[in-house]
Amino acid sequence: MSLTLEDVLNALKQCYDPEIPVNIVDLGLIYGIRFDSAPDNQQDVVVEMTLPAQGCPVPMFRSATR
């Protein structure tokens, strides 16, 4: 079963800025979501976003999941 845009947005809405109780989708930090093909009939999801503040430590925690 393939993921949908709604699936991804619902998952991202579970990610909150640690300093304020607002999720990253409602904060407007998500610029785009792209679905790419991956080997073995898998699907990659690429999320283009910005950080909530300059100097935010989030980039050191980036990961990819298939």
Protein backbone atom coordinates (compact mmCIF):
# COMPACT_ATOMS: atom_id res chain seq x y z
CA MET A 1 0.00 0.00 0.00
CA SER A 2 1.38 3.39 -0.97
CA LEU A 3 1.46 6.37 1.32
CA THR A 4 -0.71 9.34 0.47
CA LEU A 5 -0.11 13.04 1.02
CA GLU A 6 -2.69 12.91 3.81
CA ASP A 7 -0.77 10.06 5.52
CA VAL A 8 2.44 12.07 5.48
CA LEU A 9 0.79 15.28 6.68
CA ASN A 10 -0.91 13.40 9.54
CA ALA A 11 2.45 11.96 10.59
CA LEU A 12 4.14 15.37 10.38
CA LYS A 13 1.38 16.89 12.50
CA GLN A 14 2.69 14.73 15.34
CA CYS A 15 5.99 16.68 15.27
CA TYR A 16 5.85 19.71 17.53
CA ASP A 17 8.24 22.59 17.99
CA PRO A 18 9.71 21.95 21.47
CA GLU A 19 9.32 25.57 22.52
CA ILE A 20 5.68 26.11 21.53
CA PRO A 21 2.75 23.68 21.34
CA VAL A 22 2.22 23.95 17.58
CA ASN A 23 3.04 21.22 15.05
CA ILE A 24 5.42 21.84 12.15
CA VAL A 25 2.63 21.65 9.54
CA ASP A 26 0.48 24.31 11.20
CA LEU A 27 3.58 26.46 11.74
CA GLY A 28 4.02 26.52 7.95
CA LEU A 29 7.47 24.92 8.03
CA ILE A 30 6.64 22.34 5.34
CA TYR A 31 7.25 23.65 1.81
CA GLY A 32 6.71 20.48 -0.16
CA ILE A 33 6.31 16.71 -0.08
CA ARG A 34 7.46 14.50 -2.93
CA PHE A 35 7.03 10.75 -3.49
CA ASP A 36 9.85 8.95 -5.33
CA SER A 37 10.16 5.35 -6.44
CA ALA A 38 12.62 3.19 -4.54
CA PRO A 39 14.00 -0.32 -5.13
CA ASP A 40 11.96 -3.42 -4.30
CA ASN A 41 8.60 -1.74 -4.92
CA GLN A 42 9.20 0.69 -2.05
CA GLN A 43 8.49 4.40 -1.86
CA ASP A 44 10.68 7.29 -0.69
CA VAL A 45 9.06 10.37 0.80
CA VAL A 46 11.03 13.62 0.54
CA VAL A 47 9.93 16.48 2.78
CA GLU A 48 11.17 19.97 2.00
CA MET A 49 10.98 22.19 5.05
CA THR A 50 12.60 25.05 6.86
CA LEU A 51 13.71 25.25 10.48
CA PRO A 52 11.73 27.25 13.04
CA ALA A 53 14.73 29.34 14.13
CA GLN A 54 18.28 30.09 13.09
CA GLY A 55 20.69 27.79 14.96
CA CYS A 56 18.06 25.08 15.44
CA PRO A 57 19.81 21.75 16.23
CA VAL A 58 17.36 19.61 14.20
CA PRO A 59 19.64 19.03 11.15
CA MET A 60 21.92 16.82 13.25
CA PHE A 61 18.97 14.44 13.85
CA ARG A 62 17.97 13.90 10.21
CA SER A 63 17.24 10.36 9.14
CA ALA A 64 15.82 8.50 6.18
CA THR A 65 13.29 5.71 6.43
CA ARG A 66 12.09 3.33 3.76
